Amino acid sequence: MAVHFHARQHTGIHLPAWLKSTDLDDGTTAVTTTGSVAAAKSLAVLRIATGFIFLWAFLDKTFGWHYATASGKGWINGGSPTKGFLSGVSAGPLQTFFHDIAGKGWTDWLFMLGLLGLGVALMSGIALRITALAGTILMAMMWAAEWPPAQHLTTGEPSMSSNPFMDYHLLYALAMITFALTAAGTTWGLGRLWNRIPLVTHNPWLK
C-alpha cells in the first residue's frame, strides 16, 4: 500500500468568504463585506465616535463646558488640563514622574495637542497611521498613570480596577490601530482625498 503525498500550493493568506479586501485607487487596502459595505460603515461609525471622544475632551478642557471641566476652569481661563489628574496619580511605579510633570506648560501643551490631533484625524479619517502610533503612546501613558494592575492605592484604599490590565485606554489604542490597518478613513471620511496628496503618496507613513 503506497502513501502519496500531494503538494499543496500556497497562494497566501485567504480571508473568509464573507470578508474580502478591496484595493483602492490610492494604493491602500480597505476591508469590506462581500456584497455590502456594512463592515466599512461600522468601522467608520466607530472611528467617528472615538474621534468625538478625544475632540470633545479637548474642547471641554479648553473652554470649561461644565462636563469634566467646570465653567471658568478651562485652559483659556488659566486652568491646567493635566495638573489635577497627574498630581492625583497614586498607583504604579511612575507616580513620582507623573507628579513631577503635572501642570507644567509643556505637559499641558503636549497633552492638549494630542487630544486635538487625535480628535480631528479620527473624525476626518486622515493620517490614521500616525494617529495610531501617537494615540497608542498617549493611551499607554494614561494607562500607566491609572495602573490597572494595582488592587490598592498607596493610601491603602481600593483602586477600583476591574481586572489586571485591560481598560478603556487599551481599547482606544486597539481601535486606532484597527482603523489604520483597515483604511477606515476612506468611508465617511477624507481618507481617499488625503491619500492622493503627492506628499502623502510618496510617504506612505503619512496615510
N, C-alpha and C. Protein backbone atom coordinates (compact mmCIF):
# COMPACT_ATOMS: atom_id res chain seq x y z
N MET A 1 0.86 -1.19 0.00
CA MET A 1 0.00 0.00 0.00
C MET A 1 0.89 1.23 0.00
N ALA A 2 0.74 2.04 -0.99
CA ALA A 2 1.58 3.22 -1.11
C ALA A 2 0.84 4.44 -0.60
N VAL A 3 1.60 5.27 0.06
CA VAL A 3 1.03 6.52 0.56
C VAL A 3 1.55 7.65 -0.31
N HIS A 4 0.66 8.41 -0.89
CA HIS A 4 1.06 9.50 -1.77
C HIS A 4 0.85 10.84 -1.09
N PHE A 5 1.86 11.66 -1.15
CA PHE A 5 1.78 13.00 -0.59
C PHE A 5 1.61 13.99 -1.74
N HIS A 6 0.55 14.76 -1.67
CA HIS A 6 0.27 15.72 -2.71
C HIS A 6 0.67 17.12 -2.22
N ALA A 7 1.54 17.73 -2.94
CA ALA A 7 1.99 19.07 -2.56
C ALA A 7 0.86 20.06 -2.73
N ARG A 8 0.68 20.92 -1.73
CA ARG A 8 -0.35 21.95 -1.80
C ARG A 8 0.28 23.27 -2.23
N GLN A 9 -0.42 23.95 -3.05
CA GLN A 9 0.06 25.24 -3.50
C GLN A 9 -0.46 26.32 -2.55
N HIS A 10 0.48 27.05 -1.97
CA HIS A 10 0.11 28.12 -1.05
C HIS A 10 0.14 29.44 -1.80
N THR A 11 -0.97 30.09 -1.86
CA THR A 11 -1.05 31.36 -2.59
C THR A 11 -1.19 32.54 -1.64
N GLY A 12 -0.91 32.33 -0.37
CA GLY A 12 -1.01 33.42 0.58
C GLY A 12 -2.15 33.23 1.55
N ILE A 13 -2.39 34.25 2.36
CA ILE A 13 -3.44 34.19 3.36
C ILE A 13 -4.78 34.44 2.69
N HIS A 14 -5.74 33.58 2.98
CA HIS A 14 -7.07 33.72 2.38
C HIS A 14 -8.06 34.20 3.43
N LEU A 15 -8.77 35.26 3.10
CA LEU A 15 -9.80 35.75 4.00
C LEU A 15 -11.04 34.89 3.87
N PRO A 16 -11.87 34.84 4.91
CA PRO A 16 -13.13 34.10 4.81
C PRO A 16 -13.97 34.65 3.67
N ALA A 17 -14.93 33.84 3.21
CA ALA A 17 -15.75 34.24 2.07
C ALA A 17 -16.50 35.53 2.33
N TRP A 18 -16.85 35.78 3.61
CA TRP A 18 -17.64 36.97 3.90
C TRP A 18 -16.78 38.20 4.13
N LEU A 19 -15.46 38.01 4.10
CA LEU A 19 -14.57 39.15 4.37
C LEU A 19 -13.53 39.25 3.27
N LYS A 20 -13.59 40.23 2.46
CA LYS A 20 -12.67 40.41 1.35
C LYS A 20 -11.95 41.74 1.47
N SER A 21 -10.77 41.81 0.87
CA SER A 21 -10.03 43.07 0.85
C SER A 21 -10.19 43.72 -0.50
N THR A 22 -10.36 45.02 -0.49
CA THR A 22 -10.55 45.77 -1.72
C THR A 22 -9.40 46.75 -1.89
N ASP A 23 -8.71 46.67 -3.03
CA ASP A 23 -7.62 47.60 -3.32
C ASP A 23 -8.21 48.91 -3.79
N LEU A 24 -7.78 50.00 -3.16
CA LEU A 24 -8.29 51.31 -3.50
C LEU A 24 -7.40 51.98 -4.54
N ASP A 25 -7.90 53.04 -5.15
CA ASP A 25 -7.15 53.75 -6.17
C ASP A 25 -5.85 54.34 -5.64
N ASP A 26 -5.83 54.66 -4.35
CA ASP A 26 -4.64 55.32 -3.80
C ASP A 26 -3.60 54.32 -3.33
N GLY A 27 -3.81 53.04 -3.56
CA GLY A 27 -2.82 52.04 -3.20
C GLY A 27 -3.03 51.39 -1.86
N THR A 28 -4.00 51.86 -1.08
CA THR A 28 -4.26 51.26 0.21
C THR A 28 -5.28 50.14 0.05
N THR A 29 -5.50 49.39 1.12
CA THR A 29 -6.44 48.28 1.08
C THR A 29 -7.49 48.47 2.16
N ALA A 30 -8.73 48.41 1.80
CA ALA A 30 -9.83 48.54 2.76
C ALA A 30 -10.56 47.22 2.85
N VAL A 31 -11.00 46.89 4.06
CA VAL A 31 -11.73 45.65 4.27
C VAL A 31 -13.22 45.92 4.20
N THR A 32 -13.93 45.18 3.36
CA THR A 32 -15.37 45.32 3.24
C THR A 32 -16.01 43.95 3.21
N THR A 33 -17.30 43.88 3.42
CA THR A 33 -18.00 42.62 3.36
C THR A 33 -18.46 42.38 1.93
N THR A 34 -18.51 41.10 1.55
CA THR A 34 -18.94 40.75 0.20
C THR A 34 -20.38 41.19 -0.01
N GLY A 35 -20.59 41.95 -1.10
CA GLY A 35 -21.94 42.36 -1.46
C GLY A 35 -22.48 43.52 -0.68
N SER A 36 -21.72 44.08 0.24
CA SER A 36 -22.20 45.22 1.01
C SER A 36 -21.02 46.00 1.58
N VAL A 37 -21.32 47.12 2.18
CA VAL A 37 -20.27 47.92 2.82
C VAL A 37 -20.58 48.06 4.31
N ALA A 38 -21.29 47.08 4.84
CA ALA A 38 -21.70 47.15 6.25
C ALA A 38 -20.50 47.23 7.19
N ALA A 39 -19.48 46.43 6.91
CA ALA A 39 -18.31 46.43 7.80
C ALA A 39 -17.59 47.77 7.73
N ALA A 40 -17.45 48.30 6.51
CA ALA A 40 -16.77 49.58 6.34
C ALA A 40 -17.53 50.70 7.05
N LYS A 41 -18.85 50.67 6.96
CA LYS A 41 -19.65 51.69 7.62
C LYS A 41 -19.59 51.56 9.13
N SER A 42 -19.54 50.32 9.61
CA SER A 42 -19.45 50.09 11.05
C SER A 42 -18.13 50.66 11.59
N LEU A 43 -17.05 50.40 10.86
CA LEU A 43 -15.75 50.94 11.27
C LEU A 43 -15.75 52.46 11.22
N ALA A 44 -16.42 53.02 10.22
CA ALA A 44 -16.50 54.47 10.10
C ALA A 44 -17.23 55.08 11.29
N VAL A 45 -18.33 54.46 11.68
CA VAL A 45 -19.09 54.94 12.84
C VAL A 45 -18.23 54.87 14.10
N LEU A 46 -17.53 53.77 14.28
CA LEU A 46 -16.68 53.60 15.46
C LEU A 46 -15.54 54.62 15.44
N ARG A 47 -14.97 54.86 14.25
CA ARG A 47 -13.89 55.84 14.12
C ARG A 47 -14.36 57.24 14.49
N ILE A 48 -15.50 57.65 13.94
CA ILE A 48 -16.03 58.98 14.21
C ILE A 48 -16.40 59.13 15.68
N ALA A 49 -17.00 58.09 16.26
CA ALA A 49 -17.37 58.15 17.67
C ALA A 49 -16.14 58.26 18.56
N THR A 50 -15.09 57.51 18.23
CA THR A 50 -13.86 57.58 19.01
C THR A 50 -13.22 58.95 18.88
N GLY A 51 -13.23 59.49 17.65
CA GLY A 51 -12.69 60.83 17.44
C GLY A 51 -13.45 61.88 18.21
N PHE A 52 -14.76 61.73 18.30
CA PHE A 52 -15.58 62.68 19.05
C PHE A 52 -15.18 62.72 20.52
N ILE A 53 -14.87 61.56 21.08
CA ILE A 53 -14.47 61.50 22.49
C ILE A 53 -13.23 62.35 22.72
N PHE A 54 -12.24 62.21 21.84
CA PHE A 54 -10.99 62.97 22.01
C PHE A 54 -11.20 64.45 21.73
N LEU A 55 -11.95 64.77 20.68
CA LEU A 55 -12.17 66.18 20.34
C LEU A 55 -12.99 66.88 21.41
N TRP A 56 -14.00 66.19 21.93
CA TRP A 56 -14.81 66.80 22.99
C TRP A 56 -13.98 67.01 24.25
N ALA A 57 -13.11 66.07 24.57
CA ALA A 57 -12.25 66.22 25.74
C ALA A 57 -11.38 67.46 25.59
N PHE A 58 -10.86 67.68 24.38
CA PHE A 58 -10.03 68.87 24.13
C PHE A 58 -10.85 70.14 24.34
N LEU A 59 -12.05 70.19 23.75
CA LEU A 59 -12.87 71.38 23.84
C LEU A 59 -13.34 71.65 25.26
N ASP A 60 -13.73 70.60 25.97
CA ASP A 60 -14.21 70.76 27.34
C ASP A 60 -13.09 71.25 28.25
N LYS A 61 -11.89 70.68 28.10
CA LYS A 61 -10.76 71.10 28.92
C LYS A 61 -10.27 72.50 28.55
N THR A 62 -10.50 72.89 27.29
CA THR A 62 -10.07 74.22 26.86
C THR A 62 -11.02 75.31 27.33
N PHE A 63 -12.32 75.09 27.15
CA PHE A 63 -13.29 76.14 27.42
C PHE A 63 -14.11 75.95 28.70
N GLY A 64 -13.97 74.79 29.36
CA GLY A 64 -14.71 74.57 30.59
C GLY A 64 -16.20 74.50 30.35
N TRP A 65 -16.62 73.50 29.59
CA TRP A 65 -18.02 73.37 29.22
C TRP A 65 -18.86 72.63 30.27
N HIS A 66 -18.33 72.58 31.45
CA HIS A 66 -19.07 72.06 32.61
C HIS A 66 -19.41 70.58 32.51
N TYR A 67 -18.52 69.80 31.86
CA TYR A 67 -18.65 68.35 31.92
C TYR A 67 -17.54 67.86 32.83
N ALA A 68 -16.41 67.43 32.29
CA ALA A 68 -15.29 67.06 33.16
C ALA A 68 -14.61 68.31 33.73
N THR A 69 -14.75 69.43 33.02
CA THR A 69 -14.11 70.69 33.45
C THR A 69 -15.18 71.72 33.80
N ALA A 70 -15.12 72.22 35.01
CA ALA A 70 -16.11 73.19 35.46
C ALA A 70 -15.98 74.50 34.70
N SER A 71 -17.08 75.22 34.58
CA SER A 71 -17.08 76.51 33.91
C SER A 71 -16.12 77.47 34.61
N GLY A 72 -15.31 78.15 33.82
CA GLY A 72 -14.35 79.07 34.40
C GLY A 72 -13.04 78.43 34.78
N LYS A 73 -12.93 77.11 34.64
CA LYS A 73 -11.71 76.38 35.00
C LYS A 73 -10.99 75.85 33.76
N GLY A 74 -11.43 76.30 32.58
CA GLY A 74 -10.82 75.80 31.35
C GLY A 74 -9.40 76.27 31.15
N TRP A 75 -8.78 75.72 30.15
CA TRP A 75 -7.39 76.06 29.83
C TRP A 75 -7.26 77.55 29.50
N ILE A 76 -8.23 78.11 28.79
CA ILE A 76 -8.16 79.52 28.42
C ILE A 76 -8.35 80.43 29.63
N ASN A 77 -8.85 79.87 30.72
CA ASN A 77 -9.04 80.64 31.95
C ASN A 77 -7.88 80.48 32.92
N GLY A 78 -6.82 79.80 32.45
CA GLY A 78 -5.65 79.61 33.32
C GLY A 78 -5.60 78.26 34.01
N GLY A 79 -6.62 77.44 33.78
CA GLY A 79 -6.61 76.11 34.38
C GLY A 79 -5.63 75.19 33.68
N SER A 80 -5.19 74.16 34.37
CA SER A 80 -4.25 73.19 33.80
C SER A 80 -4.99 71.90 33.47
N PRO A 81 -4.89 71.43 32.23
CA PRO A 81 -5.57 70.19 31.84
C PRO A 81 -4.95 68.94 32.44
N THR A 82 -3.73 69.04 32.96
CA THR A 82 -3.04 67.85 33.44
C THR A 82 -2.77 67.85 34.95
N LYS A 83 -2.81 69.00 35.58
CA LYS A 83 -2.38 69.06 36.98
C LYS A 83 -3.24 68.19 37.90
N GLY A 84 -4.55 68.32 37.77
CA GLY A 84 -5.42 67.57 38.66
C GLY A 84 -5.27 66.07 38.51
N PHE A 85 -5.23 65.61 37.26
CA PHE A 85 -5.15 64.17 37.02
C PHE A 85 -3.78 63.61 37.40
N LEU A 86 -2.71 64.22 36.90
CA LEU A 86 -1.38 63.67 37.14
C LEU A 86 -0.91 63.84 38.59
N SER A 87 -1.29 64.93 39.22
CA SER A 87 -0.88 65.11 40.62
C SER A 87 -1.63 64.14 41.54
N GLY A 88 -2.73 63.59 41.03
CA GLY A 88 -3.50 62.65 41.84
C GLY A 88 -3.16 61.20 41.60
N VAL A 89 -2.15 60.93 40.75
CA VAL A 89 -1.74 59.55 40.50
C VAL A 89 -1.25 58.92 41.81
N SER A 90 -1.83 57.81 42.18
CA SER A 90 -1.48 57.19 43.46
C SER A 90 -1.36 55.67 43.35
N ALA A 91 -0.88 55.22 42.19
CA ALA A 91 -0.64 53.80 41.99
C ALA A 91 0.38 53.63 40.87
N GLY A 92 1.12 52.55 40.92
CA GLY A 92 2.06 52.26 39.85
C GLY A 92 3.47 52.77 40.13
N PRO A 93 4.43 52.31 39.34
CA PRO A 93 5.85 52.66 39.56
C PRO A 93 6.24 54.04 39.05
N LEU A 94 5.34 54.75 38.32
CA LEU A 94 5.69 56.04 37.74
C LEU A 94 5.03 57.21 38.47
N GLN A 95 4.64 57.01 39.71
CA GLN A 95 3.94 58.07 40.43
C GLN A 95 4.78 59.33 40.53
N THR A 96 6.04 59.20 40.92
CA THR A 96 6.92 60.37 41.07
C THR A 96 7.08 61.12 39.77
N PHE A 97 7.24 60.39 38.67
CA PHE A 97 7.39 61.01 37.36
C PHE A 97 6.17 61.82 37.00
N PHE A 98 4.98 61.24 37.18
CA PHE A 98 3.76 61.95 36.83
C PHE A 98 3.53 63.16 37.73
N HIS A 99 3.88 63.04 39.01
CA HIS A 99 3.73 64.18 39.91
C HIS A 99 4.65 65.32 39.49
N ASP A 100 5.84 64.97 39.03
CA ASP A 100 6.82 66.00 38.65
C ASP A 100 6.39 66.77 37.41
N ILE A 101 5.71 66.12 36.47
CA ILE A 101 5.35 66.80 35.22
C ILE A 101 3.94 67.37 35.26
N ALA A 102 3.20 67.11 36.32
CA ALA A 102 1.82 67.58 36.42
C ALA A 102 1.74 69.10 36.36
N GLY A 103 0.90 69.61 35.47
CA GLY A 103 0.64 71.04 35.42
C GLY A 103 1.70 71.89 34.75
N LYS A 104 2.78 71.30 34.27
CA LYS A 104 3.81 72.09 33.60
C LYS A 104 3.33 72.49 32.21
N GLY A 105 3.84 73.62 31.74
CA GLY A 105 3.38 74.15 30.47
C GLY A 105 3.54 73.19 29.31
N TRP A 106 4.72 72.56 29.20
CA TRP A 106 4.96 71.65 28.08
C TRP A 106 4.09 70.41 28.19
N THR A 107 3.80 69.99 29.41
CA THR A 107 2.93 68.83 29.60
C THR A 107 1.52 69.15 29.12
N ASP A 108 1.01 70.32 29.52
CA ASP A 108 -0.32 70.72 29.10
C ASP A 108 -0.42 70.83 27.58
N TRP A 109 0.58 71.46 26.96
CA TRP A 109 0.55 71.65 25.51
C TRP A 109 0.61 70.32 24.77
N LEU A 110 1.50 69.44 25.17
CA LEU A 110 1.59 68.14 24.50
C LEU A 110 0.30 67.35 24.65
N PHE A 111 -0.26 67.35 25.84
CA PHE A 111 -1.49 66.60 26.10
C PHE A 111 -2.65 67.16 25.28
N MET A 112 -2.79 68.49 25.28
CA MET A 112 -3.91 69.09 24.57
C MET A 112 -3.76 68.98 23.05
N LEU A 113 -2.54 69.15 22.55
CA LEU A 113 -2.32 68.96 21.12
C LEU A 113 -2.57 67.51 20.71
N GLY A 114 -2.25 66.59 21.61
CA GLY A 114 -2.53 65.18 21.35
C GLY A 114 -4.02 64.93 21.24
N LEU A 115 -4.79 65.47 22.17
CA LEU A 115 -6.25 65.29 22.12
C LEU A 115 -6.83 65.91 20.86
N LEU A 116 -6.39 67.12 20.52
CA LEU A 116 -6.90 67.80 19.34
C LEU A 116 -6.53 67.04 18.07
N GLY A 117 -5.27 66.64 17.96
CA GLY A 117 -4.82 65.92 16.78
C GLY A 117 -5.55 64.61 16.58
N LEU A 118 -5.70 63.85 17.66
CA LEU A 118 -6.40 62.57 17.57
C LEU A 118 -7.86 62.77 17.19
N GLY A 119 -8.49 63.76 17.81
CA GLY A 119 -9.90 64.01 17.53
C GLY A 119 -10.14 64.39 16.08
N VAL A 120 -9.35 65.34 15.57
CA VAL A 120 -9.53 65.81 14.19
C VAL A 120 -9.20 64.70 13.19
N ALA A 121 -8.08 64.00 13.42
CA ALA A 121 -7.66 62.95 12.48
C ALA A 121 -8.68 61.82 12.42
N LEU A 122 -9.18 61.39 13.57
CA LEU A 122 -10.13 60.28 13.59
C LEU A 122 -11.47 60.66 12.98
N MET A 123 -11.96 61.84 13.30
CA MET A 123 -13.26 62.24 12.78
C MET A 123 -13.20 62.52 11.28
N SER A 124 -12.07 63.02 10.79
CA SER A 124 -11.94 63.32 9.37
C SER A 124 -11.46 62.11 8.57
N GLY A 125 -10.80 61.15 9.24
CA GLY A 125 -10.32 59.95 8.56
C GLY A 125 -8.98 60.12 7.87
N ILE A 126 -8.17 61.08 8.30
CA ILE A 126 -6.87 61.30 7.67
C ILE A 126 -5.73 60.92 8.61
N ALA A 127 -4.59 60.62 8.02
CA ALA A 127 -3.36 60.34 8.77
C ALA A 127 -3.58 59.31 9.88
N LEU A 128 -4.28 58.24 9.55
CA LEU A 128 -4.64 57.26 10.57
C LEU A 128 -3.45 56.44 11.05
N ARG A 129 -2.40 56.32 10.23
CA ARG A 129 -1.22 55.56 10.67
C ARG A 129 -0.47 56.33 11.76
N ILE A 130 -0.27 57.63 11.54
CA ILE A 130 0.37 58.46 12.56
C ILE A 130 -0.52 58.53 13.79
N THR A 131 -1.81 58.63 13.56
CA THR A 131 -2.77 58.70 14.66
C THR A 131 -2.69 57.45 15.53
N ALA A 132 -2.58 56.29 14.89
CA ALA A 132 -2.49 55.03 15.64
C ALA A 132 -1.24 55.01 16.51
N LEU A 133 -0.12 55.48 15.96
CA LEU A 133 1.13 55.49 16.72
C LEU A 133 1.07 56.48 17.87
N ALA A 134 0.70 57.74 17.56
CA ALA A 134 0.64 58.76 18.60
C ALA A 134 -0.42 58.44 19.64
N GLY A 135 -1.57 57.93 19.17
CA GLY A 135 -2.64 57.60 20.10
C GLY A 135 -2.28 56.46 21.03
N THR A 136 -1.57 55.48 20.50
CA THR A 136 -1.15 54.35 21.34
C THR A 136 -0.17 54.80 22.41
N ILE A 137 0.73 55.71 22.06
CA ILE A 137 1.68 56.24 23.04
C ILE A 137 0.95 57.01 24.14
N LEU A 138 0.02 57.88 23.73
CA LEU A 138 -0.74 58.65 24.72
C LEU A 138 -1.57 57.75 25.61
N MET A 139 -2.23 56.76 25.02
CA MET A 139 -3.04 55.84 25.81
C MET A 139 -2.19 55.00 26.75
N ALA A 140 -0.99 54.63 26.31
CA ALA A 140 -0.09 53.86 27.16
C ALA A 140 0.32 54.69 28.39
N MET A 141 0.58 55.99 28.16
CA MET A 141 0.95 56.86 29.27
C MET A 141 -0.21 57.01 30.26
N MET A 142 -1.42 57.17 29.74
CA MET A 142 -2.57 57.32 30.61
C MET A 142 -2.89 56.01 31.33
N TRP A 143 -2.65 54.90 30.64
CA TRP A 143 -2.82 53.59 31.28
C TRP A 143 -1.85 53.46 32.45
N ALA A 144 -0.61 53.87 32.24
CA ALA A 144 0.40 53.77 33.30
C ALA A 144 0.06 54.68 34.47
N ALA A 145 -0.59 55.82 34.17
CA ALA A 145 -0.97 56.74 35.24
C ALA A 145 -2.07 56.14 36.12
N GLU A 146 -2.98 55.42 35.51
CA GLU A 146 -4.05 54.80 36.30
C GLU A 146 -3.63 53.44 36.85
N TRP A 147 -2.71 52.77 36.18
CA TRP A 147 -2.13 51.50 36.61
C TRP A 147 -3.16 50.46 37.06
N PRO A 148 -3.90 49.91 36.11
CA PRO A 148 -4.92 48.90 36.42
C PRO A 148 -4.44 47.69 37.22
N PRO A 149 -3.16 47.25 37.08
CA PRO A 149 -2.74 46.07 37.87
C PRO A 149 -2.86 46.25 39.38
N ALA A 150 -2.84 47.49 39.85
CA ALA A 150 -2.89 47.73 41.30
C ALA A 150 -4.30 47.51 41.84
N GLN A 151 -4.39 46.71 42.89
CA GLN A 151 -5.68 46.50 43.54
C GLN A 151 -5.94 47.55 44.62
N HIS A 152 -4.85 48.16 45.09
CA HIS A 152 -4.98 49.20 46.11
C HIS A 152 -4.09 50.39 45.78
N LEU A 153 -4.51 51.57 46.19
CA LEU A 153 -3.72 52.77 46.02
C LEU A 153 -2.67 52.85 47.11
N THR A 154 -1.77 53.80 46.99
CA THR A 154 -0.73 53.95 48.02
C THR A 154 -1.33 54.34 49.37
N THR A 155 -2.54 54.86 49.35
CA THR A 155 -3.23 55.23 50.59
C THR A 155 -3.86 54.03 51.26
N GLY A 156 -3.87 52.89 50.55
CA GLY A 156 -4.48 51.69 51.09
C GLY A 156 -5.92 51.50 50.65
N GLU A 157 -6.49 52.49 50.00
CA GLU A 157 -7.86 52.39 49.53
C GLU A 157 -7.93 51.51 48.27
N PRO A 158 -9.08 50.89 48.01
CA PRO A 158 -9.22 50.08 46.80
C PRO A 158 -9.04 50.94 45.56
N SER A 159 -8.36 50.41 44.55
CA SER A 159 -8.11 51.16 43.32
C SER A 159 -9.33 51.18 42.40
N MET A 160 -10.26 50.28 42.65
CA MET A 160 -11.46 50.13 41.83
C MET A 160 -11.16 49.61 40.43
N SER A 161 -9.97 49.06 40.25
CA SER A 161 -9.62 48.45 38.98
C SER A 161 -10.43 47.17 38.82
N SER A 162 -10.97 46.94 37.63
CA SER A 162 -11.84 45.78 37.42
C SER A 162 -11.10 44.52 36.98
N ASN A 163 -9.85 44.67 36.49
CA ASN A 163 -9.08 43.50 36.09
C ASN A 163 -7.59 43.88 36.04
N PRO A 164 -6.70 42.92 35.87
CA PRO A 164 -5.26 43.18 36.00
C PRO A 164 -4.63 44.07 34.93
N PHE A 165 -5.24 44.22 33.75
CA PHE A 165 -4.54 45.01 32.73
C PHE A 165 -5.44 45.72 31.72
N MET A 166 -6.58 45.16 31.37
CA MET A 166 -7.39 45.72 30.30
C MET A 166 -8.29 46.85 30.80
N ASP A 167 -8.20 48.00 30.13
CA ASP A 167 -9.11 49.10 30.44
C ASP A 167 -9.40 49.87 29.15
N TYR A 168 -10.15 50.95 29.27
CA TYR A 168 -10.60 51.67 28.07
C TYR A 168 -9.45 52.30 27.30
N HIS A 169 -8.35 52.61 27.97
CA HIS A 169 -7.21 53.18 27.25
C HIS A 169 -6.65 52.19 26.23
N LEU A 170 -6.55 50.95 26.62
CA LEU A 170 -6.06 49.93 25.70
C LEU A 170 -7.06 49.67 24.57
N LEU A 171 -8.35 49.75 24.89
CA LEU A 171 -9.37 49.57 23.86
C LEU A 171 -9.29 50.68 22.82
N TYR A 172 -9.08 51.92 23.28
CA TYR A 172 -8.92 53.03 22.35
C TYR A 172 -7.70 52.81 21.45
N ALA A 173 -6.60 52.36 22.04
CA ALA A 173 -5.39 52.12 21.27
C ALA A 173 -5.63 51.03 20.22
N LEU A 174 -6.27 49.94 20.61
CA LEU A 174 -6.56 48.86 19.67
C LEU A 174 -7.49 49.34 18.55
N ALA A 175 -8.45 50.18 18.91
CA ALA A 175 -9.37 50.70 17.90
C ALA A 175 -8.62 51.55 16.88
N MET A 176 -7.73 52.41 17.35
CA MET A 176 -6.98 53.27 16.43
C MET A 176 -6.07 52.46 15.52
N ILE A 177 -5.47 51.41 16.06
CA ILE A 177 -4.64 50.54 15.23
C ILE A 177 -5.49 49.85 14.16
N THR A 178 -6.69 49.43 14.55
CA THR A 178 -7.61 48.79 13.60
C THR A 178 -8.01 49.76 12.49
N PHE A 179 -8.28 51.01 12.84
CA PHE A 179 -8.65 52.00 11.83
C PHE A 179 -7.53 52.17 10.80
N ALA A 180 -6.30 52.19 11.29
CA ALA A 180 -5.16 52.37 10.39
C ALA A 180 -4.97 51.16 9.47
N LEU A 181 -5.13 49.97 10.02
CA LEU A 181 -4.90 48.75 9.25
C LEU A 181 -5.99 48.49 8.21
N THR A 182 -7.17 49.02 8.44
CA THR A 182 -8.30 48.76 7.54
C THR A 182 -8.66 49.95 6.67
N ALA A 183 -7.82 50.99 6.68
CA ALA A 183 -8.11 52.20 5.89
C ALA A 183 -9.52 52.71 6.17
N ALA A 184 -9.86 52.78 7.44
CA ALA A 184 -11.23 53.15 7.84
C ALA A 184 -11.59 54.58 7.48
N GLY A 185 -10.61 55.40 7.15
CA GLY A 185 -10.91 56.78 6.81
C GLY A 185 -11.44 56.98 5.41
N THR A 186 -11.47 55.91 4.61
CA THR A 186 -11.96 56.03 3.23
C THR A 186 -13.48 55.94 3.15
N THR A 187 -14.13 55.56 4.24
CA THR A 187 -15.59 55.52 4.30
C THR A 187 -16.06 56.62 5.24
N TRP A 188 -16.91 57.51 4.73
CA TRP A 188 -17.41 58.64 5.50
C TRP A 188 -16.27 59.46 6.10
N GLY A 189 -15.24 59.64 5.30
CA GLY A 189 -14.09 60.41 5.75
C GLY A 189 -13.33 60.98 4.57
N LEU A 190 -12.25 61.66 4.85
CA LEU A 190 -11.44 62.30 3.82
C LEU A 190 -10.22 61.46 3.46
N GLY A 191 -10.24 60.18 3.83
CA GLY A 191 -9.10 59.32 3.62
C GLY A 191 -8.64 59.21 2.17
N ARG A 192 -9.58 59.06 1.26
CA ARG A 192 -9.22 58.92 -0.15
C ARG A 192 -8.54 60.19 -0.67
N LEU A 193 -9.12 61.35 -0.36
CA LEU A 193 -8.54 62.61 -0.80
C LEU A 193 -7.16 62.83 -0.18
N TRP A 194 -7.05 62.53 1.10
CA TRP A 194 -5.79 62.69 1.81
C TRP A 194 -4.70 61.82 1.18
N ASN A 195 -5.03 60.58 0.88
CA ASN A 195 -4.04 59.65 0.35
C ASN A 195 -3.58 60.00 -1.06
N ARG A 196 -4.32 60.86 -1.75
CA ARG A 196 -3.94 61.26 -3.11
C ARG A 196 -3.04 62.48 -3.13
N ILE A 197 -2.84 63.11 -1.99
CA ILE A 197 -1.92 64.26 -1.93
C ILE A 197 -0.52 63.76 -2.25
N PRO A 198 0.21 64.42 -3.16
CA PRO A 198 1.55 63.96 -3.56
C PRO A 198 2.48 63.66 -2.39
N LEU A 199 2.50 64.53 -1.40
CA LEU A 199 3.38 64.31 -0.25
C LEU A 199 3.04 63.01 0.46
N VAL A 200 1.74 62.75 0.61
CA VAL A 200 1.30 61.53 1.28
C VAL A 200 1.56 60.31 0.39
N THR A 201 1.36 60.46 -0.91
CA THR A 201 1.58 59.36 -1.84
C THR A 201 3.03 58.90 -1.79
N HIS A 202 3.97 59.84 -1.68
CA HIS A 202 5.39 59.50 -1.66
C HIS A 202 5.89 59.15 -0.26
N ASN A 203 5.04 59.33 0.74
CA ASN A 203 5.41 58.98 2.12
C ASN A 203 4.25 58.21 2.74
N PRO A 204 4.15 56.91 2.46
CA PRO A 204 3.01 56.10 2.92
C PRO A 204 2.76 56.15 4.42
N TRP A 205 3.80 56.47 5.21
CA TRP A 205 3.60 56.51 6.66
C TRP A 205 2.69 57.66 7.07
N LEU A 206 2.44 58.59 6.14
CA LEU A 206 1.54 59.71 6.42
C LEU A 206 0.07 59.34 6.21
N LYS A 207 -0.21 58.18 5.61
CA LYS A 207 -1.59 57.79 5.32
C LYS A 207 -2.36 57.51 6.60
